[in-house]
Amino acid sequence: MFFHGWLLSHKQFEYQFQVLPAMGCRCIGMLIDAAAPTGVTKETADQLLTETLNDRPKMMRGVTDNFFFQYITGPFSDWFFQIQFIG
C-alpha cells in the first residue's frame, strides 16, 4: 500500500504502479487522505498554511525544491510540481 505525503497525490508513485504489478505485486493507492506533516514546528506549519492560502503554487515550488536530498533535473522537478495539482 502506498501513502503519499501532505499536498501530494498517488501520482508520485507512477513508476512503482507501472513496474510492481508486472512483477506480480498488488499496488494500492488513493484509499485515504494524505498524512499530515509531522516533525515540523508549529511556526513552520503555520508558515506553510499561510503560504498555501496566499500563493499555493509558490509554496509548493519551495517544497519541491527542498524535498529532494540531491540534484534533480528541471523536467523531473516540473513533473513533481505538477502532480501536486493534478492528482
C-alpha atoms as a PDB file:
ATOM      1  CA  MET A   1       0.000   0.000   0.000  1.00  0.00           C
ATOM      2  CA  PHE A   2       1.348   3.422  -0.927  1.00  0.00           C
ATOM      3  CA  PHE A   3       0.722   6.514   1.194  1.00  0.00           C
ATOM      4  CA  HIS A   4       1.594   9.917  -0.149  1.00  0.00           C
ATOM      5  CA  GLY A   5       2.582  12.834   1.995  1.00  0.00           C
ATOM      6  CA  TRP A   6       0.720  16.058   2.608  1.00  0.00           C
ATOM      7  CA  LEU A   7      -0.028  18.011  -0.547  1.00  0.00           C
ATOM      8  CA  LEU A   8       0.985  15.222  -2.917  1.00  0.00           C
ATOM      9  CA  SER A   9      -1.077  12.537  -4.635  1.00  0.00           C
ATOM     10  CA  HIS A  10      -0.944   8.935  -5.778  1.00  0.00           C
ATOM     11  CA  LYS A  11       0.742  10.215  -8.949  1.00  0.00           C
ATOM     12  CA  GLN A  12       4.089  10.335  -7.132  1.00  0.00           C
ATOM     13  CA  PHE A  13       4.102   6.516  -7.305  1.00  0.00           C
ATOM     14  CA  GLU A  14       3.670   6.430 -11.088  1.00  0.00           C
ATOM     15  CA  TYR A  15       6.818   4.377 -11.643  1.00  0.00           C
ATOM     16  CA  GLN A  16       6.058   1.865  -8.901  1.00  0.00           C
ATOM     17  CA  PHE A  17       2.487   1.393 -10.192  1.00  0.00           C
ATOM     18  CA  GLN A  18       3.904   0.512 -13.621  1.00  0.00           C
ATOM     19  CA  VAL A  19       6.687  -1.836 -12.547  1.00  0.00           C
ATOM     20  CA  LEU A  20       5.421  -3.707  -9.493  1.00  0.00           C
ATOM     21  CA  PRO A  21       2.167  -5.126 -10.973  1.00  0.00           C
ATOM     22  CA  ALA A  22       4.206  -6.513 -13.872  1.00  0.00           C
ATOM     23  CA  MET A  23       6.221  -8.381 -11.237  1.00  0.00           C
ATOM     24  CA  GLY A  24       3.057  -9.848  -9.703  1.00  0.00           C
ATOM     25  CA  CYS A  25       2.679  -7.344  -6.858  1.00  0.00           C
ATOM     26  CA  ARG A  26      -0.614  -5.751  -5.964  1.00  0.00           C
ATOM     27  CA  CYS A  27      -0.378  -1.989  -5.556  1.00  0.00           C
ATOM     28  CA  ILE A  28      -2.995   0.042  -3.717  1.00  0.00           C
ATOM     29  CA  GLY A  29      -3.095   3.883  -3.609  1.00  0.00           C
ATOM     30  CA  MET A  30      -5.889   6.817  -3.234  1.00  0.00           C
ATOM     31  CA  LEU A  31      -7.884   4.968  -0.360  1.00  0.00           C
ATOM     32  CA  ILE A  32      -7.196   7.504   2.376  1.00  0.00           C
ATOM     33  CA  ASP A  33      -6.233  11.148   2.568  1.00  0.00           C
ATOM     34  CA  ALA A  34      -2.644  12.237   2.730  1.00  0.00           C
ATOM     35  CA  ALA A  35      -0.878  12.138   6.033  1.00  0.00           C
ATOM     36  CA  ALA A  36      -0.476  15.424   7.836  1.00  0.00           C
ATOM     37  CA  PRO A  37       3.083  16.692   8.125  1.00  0.00           C
ATOM     38  CA  THR A  38       4.961  15.609  11.234  1.00  0.00           C
ATOM     39  CA  GLY A  39       8.260  16.670  12.651  1.00  0.00           C
ATOM     40  CA  VAL A  40       7.774  20.366  11.923  1.00  0.00           C
ATOM     41  CA  THR A  41       7.429  23.158  14.402  1.00  0.00           C
ATOM     42  CA  LYS A  42       4.149  24.987  14.877  1.00  0.00           C
ATOM     43  CA  GLU A  43       5.762  28.054  13.330  1.00  0.00           C
ATOM     44  CA  THR A  44       6.777  26.127  10.207  1.00  0.00           C
ATOM     45  CA  ALA A  45       3.308  24.574   9.907  1.00  0.00           C
ATOM     46  CA  ASP A  46       1.677  27.998  10.322  1.00  0.00           C
ATOM     47  CA  GLN A  47       4.001  29.453   7.682  1.00  0.00           C
ATOM     48  CA  LEU A  48       3.155  26.662   5.212  1.00  0.00           C
ATOM     49  CA  LEU A  49      -0.565  27.132   5.813  1.00  0.00           C
ATOM     50  CA  THR A  50      -0.297  30.897   5.330  1.00  0.00           C
ATOM     51  CA  GLU A  51       1.707  30.452   2.136  1.00  0.00           C
ATOM     52  CA  THR A  52      -0.815  27.850   0.937  1.00  0.00           C
ATOM     53  CA  LEU A  53      -3.664  30.321   1.355  1.00  0.00           C
ATOM     54  CA  ASN A  54      -1.792  33.183  -0.299  1.00  0.00           C
ATOM     55  CA  ASP A  55       0.128  31.526  -3.163  1.00  0.00           C
ATOM     56  CA  ARG A  56      -0.048  27.735  -3.185  1.00  0.00           C
ATOM     57  CA  PRO A  57       1.993  27.259  -6.383  1.00  0.00           C
ATOM     58  CA  LYS A  58       4.848  29.353  -4.967  1.00  0.00           C
ATOM     59  CA  MET A  59       4.713  27.463  -1.675  1.00  0.00           C
ATOM     60  CA  MET A  60       4.712  24.112  -3.494  1.00  0.00           C
ATOM     61  CA  ARG A  61       7.695  25.119  -5.639  1.00  0.00           C
ATOM     62  CA  GLY A  62       9.586  25.774  -2.414  1.00  0.00           C
ATOM     63  CA  VAL A  63       8.517  22.401  -1.003  1.00  0.00           C
ATOM     64  CA  THR A  64       9.594  20.714  -4.250  1.00  0.00           C
ATOM     65  CA  ASP A  65      12.977  22.443  -4.154  1.00  0.00           C
ATOM     66  CA  ASN A  66      13.535  21.278  -0.554  1.00  0.00           C
ATOM     67  CA  PHE A  67      12.046  17.780  -0.930  1.00  0.00           C
ATOM     68  CA  PHE A  68      14.974  16.049  -2.612  1.00  0.00           C
ATOM     69  CA  PHE A  69      18.345  15.430  -0.967  1.00  0.00           C
ATOM     70  CA  GLN A  70      20.201  15.533  -4.266  1.00  0.00           C
ATOM     71  CA  TYR A  71      20.078  17.381  -7.546  1.00  0.00           C
ATOM     72  CA  ILE A  72      17.145  16.582  -9.818  1.00  0.00           C
ATOM     73  CA  THR A  73      16.652  17.714 -13.389  1.00  0.00           C
ATOM     74  CA  GLY A  74      14.360  20.603 -14.310  1.00  0.00           C
ATOM     75  CA  PRO A  75      11.880  18.309 -16.101  1.00  0.00           C
ATOM     76  CA  PHE A  76      11.716  15.987 -13.072  1.00  0.00           C
ATOM     77  CA  SER A  77      11.150  18.968 -10.781  1.00  0.00           C
ATOM     78  CA  ASP A  78       8.370  20.190 -13.073  1.00  0.00           C
ATOM     79  CA  TRP A  79       6.748  16.725 -13.111  1.00  0.00           C
ATOM     80  CA  PHE A  80       6.866  16.504  -9.310  1.00  0.00           C
ATOM     81  CA  PHE A  81       5.446  20.023  -9.037  1.00  0.00           C
ATOM     82  CA  GLN A  82       2.552  19.182 -11.385  1.00  0.00           C
ATOM     83  CA  ILE A  83       1.445  16.026  -9.552  1.00  0.00           C
ATOM     84  CA  GLN A  84       0.673  18.196  -6.569  1.00  0.00           C
ATOM     85  CA  PHE A  85      -2.131  19.868  -8.513  1.00  0.00           C
ATOM     86  CA  ILE A  86      -3.328  17.222 -10.949  1.00  0.00           C
ATOM     87  CA  GLY A  87      -3.630  14.189  -8.647  1.00  0.00           C
END
